[in-house]
Amino acid sequence: MTAARSTATPTGPTATRGAASAARTPAPTSAGLLLLRLVTGALLLVHGVPKLADPAGATGTAAAVGAPFPEVAGWLVVLGEVGLGVLLLVGLLTRVAGGLLVLQMAGVWLLVHAPQGFLVEGQVNGENALLLGAAGLALLFTGAGRFSLDAAAQRARARG
């Protein structure tokens, strides 16, 4: 006698969580998420790739702003900008990448920009960190949408 395998589909509030919901995301919404991911990922890479070429500059900056363990902090910034940029561009582990981006941009804003205040000479201080953090938060909540590797992986798992 063998036990029957359950093939029930989850219902209720957990049914739309994670990459499984990407296949059900409407195309216009997925197109908007794709655009958000592409712009956010590209901006991260534009900031991160030069730092990857000169990591000593990133660790020096981390030391100058008083980051704890500046050598580690500098490398975390470099790897975060490059790694998260790539993950967001392709839509892989998007919710995780969005959450990590929120944490990274919060750290950048708190260490670099907050000591100077929100407004400096009538200009918003640290708006790039704030906008990138908001984009990360949106992607943490929504996921990548159907035009992503997250959705492709979910479709492949569903096929067996």
N, C-alpha and C. Protein backbone atom coordinates (compact mmCIF):
# COMPACT_ATOMS: atom_id res chain seq x y z
N MET A 1 0.84 -1.17 0.00
CA MET A 1 0.00 0.00 0.00
C MET A 1 0.90 1.24 0.00
N THR A 2 0.65 2.15 -0.94
CA THR A 2 1.46 3.36 -1.01
C THR A 2 0.60 4.56 -0.70
N ALA A 3 1.23 5.54 -0.14
CA ALA A 3 0.52 6.78 0.19
C ALA A 3 0.34 7.61 -1.06
N ALA A 4 -0.81 8.21 -1.20
CA ALA A 4 -1.08 9.07 -2.35
C ALA A 4 -0.36 10.40 -2.18
N ARG A 5 0.20 10.88 -3.28
CA ARG A 5 0.86 12.18 -3.25
C ARG A 5 -0.17 13.27 -3.42
N SER A 6 -0.04 14.30 -2.63
CA SER A 6 -0.95 15.43 -2.74
C SER A 6 -0.51 16.34 -3.87
N THR A 7 -1.43 16.66 -4.76
CA THR A 7 -1.13 17.60 -5.85
C THR A 7 -1.99 18.84 -5.71
N ALA A 8 -2.44 19.07 -4.49
CA ALA A 8 -3.30 20.24 -4.26
C ALA A 8 -2.54 21.52 -4.51
N THR A 9 -3.24 22.47 -5.09
CA THR A 9 -2.67 23.79 -5.32
C THR A 9 -3.00 24.65 -4.12
N PRO A 10 -2.01 25.42 -3.63
CA PRO A 10 -2.31 26.24 -2.46
C PRO A 10 -3.35 27.31 -2.79
N THR A 11 -4.16 27.60 -1.80
CA THR A 11 -5.17 28.66 -1.96
C THR A 11 -5.03 29.61 -0.80
N GLY A 12 -5.72 30.70 -0.87
CA GLY A 12 -5.69 31.66 0.22
C GLY A 12 -4.55 32.64 0.06
N PRO A 13 -4.18 33.30 1.17
CA PRO A 13 -3.20 34.39 1.10
C PRO A 13 -1.82 33.95 0.62
N THR A 14 -1.45 32.69 0.82
CA THR A 14 -0.12 32.26 0.41
C THR A 14 -0.07 31.84 -1.05
N ALA A 15 -1.19 31.75 -1.73
CA ALA A 15 -1.21 31.26 -3.10
C ALA A 15 -0.50 32.19 -4.08
N THR A 16 -0.42 33.47 -3.79
CA THR A 16 0.19 34.41 -4.72
C THR A 16 1.59 34.83 -4.30
N ARG A 17 2.16 34.18 -3.34
CA ARG A 17 3.49 34.56 -2.88
C ARG A 17 4.56 33.96 -3.77
N GLY A 18 5.71 34.64 -3.81
CA GLY A 18 6.89 34.12 -4.49
C GLY A 18 6.78 34.15 -6.00
N ALA A 19 7.69 33.42 -6.64
CA ALA A 19 7.77 33.40 -8.10
C ALA A 19 6.53 32.78 -8.73
N ALA A 20 5.78 31.97 -7.99
CA ALA A 20 4.60 31.34 -8.56
C ALA A 20 3.59 32.36 -9.04
N SER A 21 3.55 33.50 -8.40
CA SER A 21 2.59 34.53 -8.81
C SER A 21 3.03 35.24 -10.07
N ALA A 22 4.29 35.12 -10.46
CA ALA A 22 4.80 35.84 -11.63
C ALA A 22 4.05 35.42 -12.89
N ALA A 23 3.71 34.15 -13.02
CA ALA A 23 3.01 33.67 -14.21
C ALA A 23 1.61 34.26 -14.30
N ARG A 24 1.04 34.64 -13.15
CA ARG A 24 -0.31 35.21 -13.15
C ARG A 24 -0.30 36.73 -13.20
N THR A 25 0.87 37.33 -13.19
CA THR A 25 0.96 38.79 -13.23
C THR A 25 0.54 39.28 -14.61
N PRO A 26 -0.37 40.23 -14.70
CA PRO A 26 -0.80 40.74 -16.01
C PRO A 26 0.39 41.30 -16.80
N ALA A 27 0.33 41.18 -18.11
CA ALA A 27 1.44 41.62 -18.97
C ALA A 27 1.80 43.09 -18.77
N PRO A 28 0.84 44.02 -18.68
CA PRO A 28 1.24 45.42 -18.47
C PRO A 28 1.98 45.62 -17.14
N THR A 29 1.53 44.94 -16.10
CA THR A 29 2.21 45.03 -14.81
C THR A 29 3.61 44.44 -14.92
N SER A 30 3.73 43.30 -15.58
CA SER A 30 5.04 42.67 -15.77
C SER A 30 5.96 43.56 -16.59
N ALA A 31 5.41 44.26 -17.57
CA ALA A 31 6.22 45.18 -18.37
C ALA A 31 6.74 46.33 -17.50
N GLY A 32 5.90 46.83 -16.61
CA GLY A 32 6.33 47.87 -15.69
C GLY A 32 7.41 47.38 -14.74
N LEU A 33 7.25 46.16 -14.23
CA LEU A 33 8.25 45.58 -13.35
C LEU A 33 9.56 45.34 -14.10
N LEU A 34 9.46 44.92 -15.35
CA LEU A 34 10.66 44.73 -16.17
C LEU A 34 11.40 46.05 -16.32
N LEU A 35 10.68 47.11 -16.64
CA LEU A 35 11.30 48.43 -16.79
C LEU A 35 11.95 48.87 -15.47
N LEU A 36 11.26 48.68 -14.36
CA LEU A 36 11.81 49.04 -13.05
C LEU A 36 13.08 48.25 -12.77
N ARG A 37 13.05 46.95 -13.06
CA ARG A 37 14.23 46.11 -12.82
C ARG A 37 15.39 46.51 -13.72
N LEU A 38 15.12 46.78 -14.99
CA LEU A 38 16.19 47.13 -15.93
C LEU A 38 16.85 48.46 -15.55
N VAL A 39 16.04 49.45 -15.22
CA VAL A 39 16.60 50.76 -14.85
C VAL A 39 17.38 50.65 -13.55
N THR A 40 16.80 49.99 -12.56
CA THR A 40 17.46 49.85 -11.26
C THR A 40 18.76 49.06 -11.39
N GLY A 41 18.69 47.94 -12.09
CA GLY A 41 19.89 47.11 -12.29
C GLY A 41 20.98 47.84 -13.04
N ALA A 42 20.60 48.57 -14.09
CA ALA A 42 21.59 49.32 -14.87
C ALA A 42 22.24 50.42 -14.03
N LEU A 43 21.44 51.13 -13.23
CA LEU A 43 22.01 52.17 -12.38
C LEU A 43 22.98 51.59 -11.35
N LEU A 44 22.63 50.44 -10.79
CA LEU A 44 23.53 49.80 -9.84
C LEU A 44 24.84 49.42 -10.52
N LEU A 45 24.75 48.88 -11.74
CA LEU A 45 25.97 48.49 -12.45
C LEU A 45 26.82 49.70 -12.82
N VAL A 46 26.17 50.79 -13.21
CA VAL A 46 26.92 52.01 -13.55
C VAL A 46 27.72 52.50 -12.34
N HIS A 47 27.16 52.34 -11.15
CA HIS A 47 27.88 52.73 -9.94
C HIS A 47 28.88 51.67 -9.50
N GLY A 48 28.55 50.40 -9.69
CA GLY A 48 29.37 49.32 -9.13
C GLY A 48 30.55 48.88 -9.96
N VAL A 49 30.43 48.87 -11.28
CA VAL A 49 31.52 48.37 -12.12
C VAL A 49 32.80 49.20 -11.95
N PRO A 50 32.73 50.54 -11.94
CA PRO A 50 33.97 51.29 -11.69
C PRO A 50 34.58 50.98 -10.32
N LYS A 51 33.73 50.73 -9.32
CA LYS A 51 34.25 50.37 -8.00
C LYS A 51 34.90 48.99 -8.03
N LEU A 52 34.39 48.12 -8.86
CA LEU A 52 34.98 46.79 -9.00
C LEU A 52 36.38 46.90 -9.59
N ALA A 53 36.57 47.87 -10.49
CA ALA A 53 37.88 48.10 -11.08
C ALA A 53 38.84 48.74 -10.08
N ASP A 54 38.33 49.42 -9.06
CA ASP A 54 39.16 50.07 -8.05
C ASP A 54 38.55 49.87 -6.66
N PRO A 55 38.62 48.64 -6.14
CA PRO A 55 37.99 48.39 -4.84
C PRO A 55 38.63 49.17 -3.69
N ALA A 56 39.89 49.56 -3.85
CA ALA A 56 40.53 50.35 -2.79
C ALA A 56 39.83 51.69 -2.62
N GLY A 57 39.31 52.24 -3.71
CA GLY A 57 38.56 53.49 -3.61
C GLY A 57 37.30 53.31 -2.79
N ALA A 58 36.62 52.17 -2.99
CA ALA A 58 35.39 51.90 -2.23
C ALA A 58 35.69 51.69 -0.75
N THR A 59 36.75 50.96 -0.45
CA THR A 59 37.08 50.75 0.96
C THR A 59 37.57 52.04 1.59
N GLY A 60 38.26 52.88 0.82
CA GLY A 60 38.68 54.19 1.32
C GLY A 60 37.50 55.09 1.63
N THR A 61 36.51 55.07 0.75
CA THR A 61 35.30 55.85 0.99
C THR A 61 34.58 55.34 2.23
N ALA A 62 34.50 54.02 2.38
CA ALA A 62 33.86 53.44 3.57
C ALA A 62 34.57 53.89 4.83
N ALA A 63 35.90 53.93 4.79
CA ALA A 63 36.66 54.38 5.96
C ALA A 63 36.42 55.86 6.22
N ALA A 64 36.36 56.66 5.16
CA ALA A 64 36.19 58.12 5.30
C ALA A 64 34.84 58.49 5.92
N VAL A 65 33.80 57.69 5.65
CA VAL A 65 32.48 58.01 6.21
C VAL A 65 32.25 57.34 7.56
N GLY A 66 33.25 56.60 8.04
CA GLY A 66 33.15 56.00 9.36
C GLY A 66 32.42 54.69 9.41
N ALA A 67 32.36 53.98 8.29
CA ALA A 67 31.70 52.68 8.29
C ALA A 67 32.49 51.70 9.15
N PRO A 68 31.81 50.87 9.91
CA PRO A 68 32.54 49.85 10.67
C PRO A 68 33.14 48.84 9.70
N PHE A 69 34.31 48.35 10.02
CA PHE A 69 35.02 47.39 9.17
C PHE A 69 35.03 47.87 7.72
N PRO A 70 35.70 49.00 7.44
CA PRO A 70 35.63 49.62 6.12
C PRO A 70 36.05 48.72 4.97
N GLU A 71 36.98 47.81 5.21
CA GLU A 71 37.40 46.90 4.13
C GLU A 71 36.24 45.98 3.74
N VAL A 72 35.55 45.49 4.74
CA VAL A 72 34.39 44.63 4.48
C VAL A 72 33.25 45.46 3.91
N ALA A 73 32.99 46.61 4.50
CA ALA A 73 31.89 47.47 4.04
C ALA A 73 32.10 47.90 2.59
N GLY A 74 33.34 48.27 2.25
CA GLY A 74 33.62 48.67 0.87
C GLY A 74 33.35 47.56 -0.12
N TRP A 75 33.79 46.36 0.22
CA TRP A 75 33.55 45.22 -0.67
C TRP A 75 32.06 44.87 -0.73
N LEU A 76 31.35 45.01 0.39
CA LEU A 76 29.90 44.75 0.37
C LEU A 76 29.18 45.72 -0.56
N VAL A 77 29.61 46.97 -0.56
CA VAL A 77 29.02 47.96 -1.47
C VAL A 77 29.29 47.56 -2.92
N VAL A 78 30.56 47.23 -3.22
CA VAL A 78 30.93 46.85 -4.59
C VAL A 78 30.15 45.62 -5.04
N LEU A 79 30.21 44.57 -4.23
CA LEU A 79 29.53 43.33 -4.61
C LEU A 79 28.02 43.50 -4.63
N GLY A 80 27.50 44.33 -3.73
CA GLY A 80 26.06 44.60 -3.72
C GLY A 80 25.63 45.30 -5.00
N GLU A 81 26.34 46.34 -5.38
CA GLU A 81 25.95 47.08 -6.58
C GLU A 81 26.06 46.22 -7.83
N VAL A 82 27.15 45.47 -7.96
CA VAL A 82 27.34 44.65 -9.16
C VAL A 82 26.43 43.42 -9.11
N GLY A 83 26.47 42.69 -8.01
CA GLY A 83 25.68 41.46 -7.90
C GLY A 83 24.18 41.70 -7.95
N LEU A 84 23.72 42.67 -7.17
CA LEU A 84 22.28 42.97 -7.17
C LEU A 84 21.86 43.55 -8.51
N GLY A 85 22.74 44.34 -9.13
CA GLY A 85 22.43 44.88 -10.46
C GLY A 85 22.19 43.77 -11.47
N VAL A 86 23.05 42.77 -11.48
CA VAL A 86 22.89 41.65 -12.41
C VAL A 86 21.62 40.86 -12.09
N LEU A 87 21.41 40.56 -10.81
CA LEU A 87 20.21 39.80 -10.43
C LEU A 87 18.93 40.53 -10.85
N LEU A 88 18.89 41.83 -10.67
CA LEU A 88 17.70 42.58 -11.05
C LEU A 88 17.53 42.66 -12.57
N LEU A 89 18.63 42.81 -13.28
CA LEU A 89 18.53 42.86 -14.75
C LEU A 89 17.88 41.61 -15.32
N VAL A 90 18.26 40.46 -14.80
CA VAL A 90 17.73 39.20 -15.34
C VAL A 90 16.49 38.71 -14.59
N GLY A 91 16.18 39.34 -13.46
CA GLY A 91 14.99 38.95 -12.71
C GLY A 91 15.17 37.62 -11.99
N LEU A 92 16.30 37.45 -11.34
CA LEU A 92 16.60 36.22 -10.60
C LEU A 92 16.70 36.55 -9.12
N LEU A 93 16.00 35.79 -8.29
CA LEU A 93 15.97 36.04 -6.84
C LEU A 93 15.58 37.49 -6.57
N THR A 94 14.59 37.96 -7.29
CA THR A 94 14.25 39.38 -7.29
C THR A 94 13.81 39.90 -5.93
N ARG A 95 12.99 39.15 -5.23
CA ARG A 95 12.53 39.61 -3.92
C ARG A 95 13.71 39.71 -2.94
N VAL A 96 14.59 38.72 -2.98
CA VAL A 96 15.77 38.74 -2.12
C VAL A 96 16.66 39.93 -2.50
N ALA A 97 16.90 40.10 -3.81
CA ALA A 97 17.73 41.21 -4.28
C ALA A 97 17.11 42.55 -3.89
N GLY A 98 15.79 42.66 -4.00
CA GLY A 98 15.12 43.90 -3.60
C GLY A 98 15.30 44.18 -2.12
N GLY A 99 15.16 43.16 -1.29
CA GLY A 99 15.34 43.33 0.14
C GLY A 99 16.77 43.72 0.50
N LEU A 100 17.74 43.08 -0.15
CA LEU A 100 19.14 43.42 0.11
C LEU A 100 19.46 44.84 -0.38
N LEU A 101 18.84 45.23 -1.49
CA LEU A 101 19.04 46.59 -1.99
C LEU A 101 18.50 47.62 -0.99
N VAL A 102 17.36 47.34 -0.40
CA VAL A 102 16.80 48.24 0.63
C VAL A 102 17.80 48.39 1.78
N LEU A 103 18.34 47.27 2.24
CA LEU A 103 19.30 47.33 3.35
C LEU A 103 20.55 48.10 2.96
N GLN A 104 21.06 47.84 1.76
CA GLN A 104 22.28 48.52 1.31
C GLN A 104 22.05 50.02 1.19
N MET A 105 20.95 50.42 0.56
CA MET A 105 20.70 51.85 0.37
C MET A 105 20.37 52.54 1.69
N ALA A 106 19.75 51.83 2.62
CA ALA A 106 19.52 52.41 3.95
C ALA A 106 20.86 52.67 4.62
N GLY A 107 21.79 51.72 4.52
CA GLY A 107 23.11 51.91 5.09
C GLY A 107 23.86 53.06 4.44
N VAL A 108 23.79 53.15 3.12
CA VAL A 108 24.45 54.25 2.40
C VAL A 108 23.86 55.58 2.85
N TRP A 109 22.53 55.65 2.89
CA TRP A 109 21.91 56.93 3.25
C TRP A 109 22.25 57.31 4.69
N LEU A 110 22.18 56.34 5.59
CA LEU A 110 22.43 56.65 7.01
C LEU A 110 23.89 57.04 7.27
N LEU A 111 24.82 56.35 6.61
CA LEU A 111 26.23 56.64 6.86
C LEU A 111 26.74 57.86 6.10
N VAL A 112 26.29 58.03 4.87
CA VAL A 112 26.86 59.07 4.02
C VAL A 112 26.01 60.34 4.02
N HIS A 113 24.71 60.20 3.86
CA HIS A 113 23.86 61.37 3.62
C HIS A 113 23.18 61.93 4.86
N ALA A 114 22.70 61.08 5.74
CA ALA A 114 21.96 61.55 6.91
C ALA A 114 22.75 62.53 7.78
N PRO A 115 24.05 62.32 7.97
CA PRO A 115 24.79 63.28 8.81
C PRO A 115 24.75 64.71 8.27
N GLN A 116 24.54 64.87 6.96
CA GLN A 116 24.49 66.21 6.36
C GLN A 116 23.08 66.79 6.39
N GLY A 117 22.09 65.95 6.66
CA GLY A 117 20.70 66.39 6.67
C GLY A 117 19.99 66.04 5.37
N PHE A 118 18.66 66.12 5.41
CA PHE A 118 17.86 65.74 4.24
C PHE A 118 18.00 66.74 3.11
N LEU A 119 18.06 68.01 3.46
CA LEU A 119 18.24 69.07 2.46
C LEU A 119 19.59 69.74 2.68
N VAL A 120 20.34 69.87 1.60
CA VAL A 120 21.63 70.55 1.64
C VAL A 120 21.59 71.63 0.56
N GLU A 121 21.68 72.88 0.99
CA GLU A 121 21.62 74.02 0.07
C GLU A 121 20.38 73.95 -0.83
N GLY A 122 19.25 73.60 -0.23
CA GLY A 122 17.99 73.55 -0.95
C GLY A 122 17.81 72.34 -1.86
N GLN A 123 18.75 71.41 -1.84
CA GLN A 123 18.68 70.21 -2.68
C GLN A 123 18.49 68.97 -1.80
N VAL A 124 17.73 68.01 -2.32
CA VAL A 124 17.57 66.75 -1.59
C VAL A 124 18.92 66.05 -1.56
N ASN A 125 19.31 65.62 -0.38
CA ASN A 125 20.60 64.96 -0.19
C ASN A 125 20.43 63.45 -0.25
N GLY A 126 21.15 62.79 -1.12
CA GLY A 126 21.12 61.33 -1.19
C GLY A 126 19.91 60.79 -1.92
N GLU A 127 19.39 61.55 -2.90
CA GLU A 127 18.18 61.09 -3.59
C GLU A 127 18.40 59.79 -4.34
N ASN A 128 19.62 59.54 -4.85
CA ASN A 128 19.86 58.27 -5.54
C ASN A 128 19.67 57.09 -4.60
N ALA A 129 20.22 57.20 -3.40
CA ALA A 129 20.07 56.11 -2.43
C ALA A 129 18.60 55.94 -2.05
N LEU A 130 17.88 57.04 -1.89
CA LEU A 130 16.46 56.96 -1.54
C LEU A 130 15.64 56.32 -2.66
N LEU A 131 15.89 56.74 -3.89
CA LEU A 131 15.14 56.18 -5.02
C LEU A 131 15.48 54.71 -5.26
N LEU A 132 16.76 54.36 -5.20
CA LEU A 132 17.14 52.96 -5.38
C LEU A 132 16.57 52.10 -4.25
N GLY A 133 16.57 52.64 -3.03
CA GLY A 133 15.96 51.90 -1.92
C GLY A 133 14.47 51.70 -2.11
N ALA A 134 13.78 52.74 -2.62
CA ALA A 134 12.34 52.62 -2.89
C ALA A 134 12.09 51.60 -4.00
N ALA A 135 12.93 51.58 -5.02
CA ALA A 135 12.79 50.59 -6.09
C ALA A 135 13.00 49.18 -5.53
N GLY A 136 13.99 49.04 -4.67
CA GLY A 136 14.22 47.73 -4.04
C GLY A 136 13.03 47.30 -3.21
N LEU A 137 12.42 48.24 -2.49
CA LEU A 137 11.25 47.93 -1.67
C LEU A 137 10.08 47.49 -2.55
N ALA A 138 9.87 48.19 -3.65
CA ALA A 138 8.79 47.81 -4.57
C ALA A 138 9.02 46.40 -5.11
N LEU A 139 10.25 46.07 -5.48
CA LEU A 139 10.53 44.74 -6.02
C LEU A 139 10.47 43.67 -4.94
N LEU A 140 10.80 44.02 -3.71
CA LEU A 140 10.64 43.09 -2.60
C LEU A 140 9.18 42.71 -2.44
N PHE A 141 8.29 43.70 -2.54
CA PHE A 141 6.85 43.45 -2.38
C PHE A 141 6.22 42.75 -3.58
N THR A 142 6.66 43.09 -4.79
CA THR A 142 5.98 42.60 -5.99
C THR A 142 6.62 41.40 -6.65
N GLY A 143 7.91 41.25 -6.53
CA GLY A 143 8.61 40.24 -7.29
C GLY A 143 8.92 40.76 -8.69
N ALA A 144 9.39 39.88 -9.54
CA ALA A 144 9.93 40.27 -10.85
C ALA A 144 8.89 40.40 -11.95
N GLY A 145 7.76 39.73 -11.81
CA GLY A 145 6.80 39.69 -12.92
C GLY A 145 7.12 38.54 -13.86
N ARG A 146 6.33 38.41 -14.91
CA ARG A 146 6.45 37.25 -15.79
C ARG A 146 7.63 37.29 -16.74
N PHE A 147 8.22 38.47 -16.97
CA PHE A 147 9.35 38.58 -17.88
C PHE A 147 10.66 38.53 -17.09
N SER A 148 10.94 37.36 -16.51
CA SER A 148 12.08 37.23 -15.62
C SER A 148 12.54 35.78 -15.55
N LEU A 149 13.75 35.59 -15.05
CA LEU A 149 14.23 34.23 -14.81
C LEU A 149 13.49 33.59 -13.64
N ASP A 150 13.03 34.40 -12.69
CA ASP A 150 12.21 33.85 -11.60
C ASP A 150 10.97 33.16 -12.17
N ALA A 151 10.28 33.82 -13.08
CA ALA A 151 9.06 33.26 -13.68
C ALA A 151 9.40 32.07 -14.56
N ALA A 152 10.49 32.15 -15.31
CA ALA A 152 10.90 31.02 -16.18
C ALA A 152 11.21 29.79 -15.34
N ALA A 153 11.88 29.99 -14.21
CA ALA A 153 12.18 28.87 -13.32
C ALA A 153 10.90 28.26 -12.75
N GLN A 154 9.95 29.11 -12.40
CA GLN A 154 8.68 28.62 -11.87
C GLN A 154 7.93 27.83 -12.94
N ARG A 155 7.93 28.31 -14.17
CA ARG A 155 7.27 27.58 -15.25
C ARG A 155 7.94 26.24 -15.48
N ALA A 156 9.26 26.19 -15.39
CA ALA A 156 9.99 24.93 -15.58
C ALA A 156 9.67 23.95 -14.44
N ARG A 157 9.57 24.44 -13.21
CA ARG A 157 9.21 23.58 -12.09
C ARG A 157 7.80 23.04 -12.26
N ALA A 158 6.89 23.87 -12.77
CA ALA A 158 5.49 23.44 -12.95
C ALA A 158 5.38 22.35 -14.02
N ARG A 159 6.25 22.41 -15.04
CA ARG A 159 6.21 21.39 -16.08
C ARG A 159 6.77 20.07 -15.61
N GLY A 160 7.51 20.09 -14.55
CA GLY A 160 7.98 18.84 -14.00
C GLY A 160 9.43 18.75 -14.07
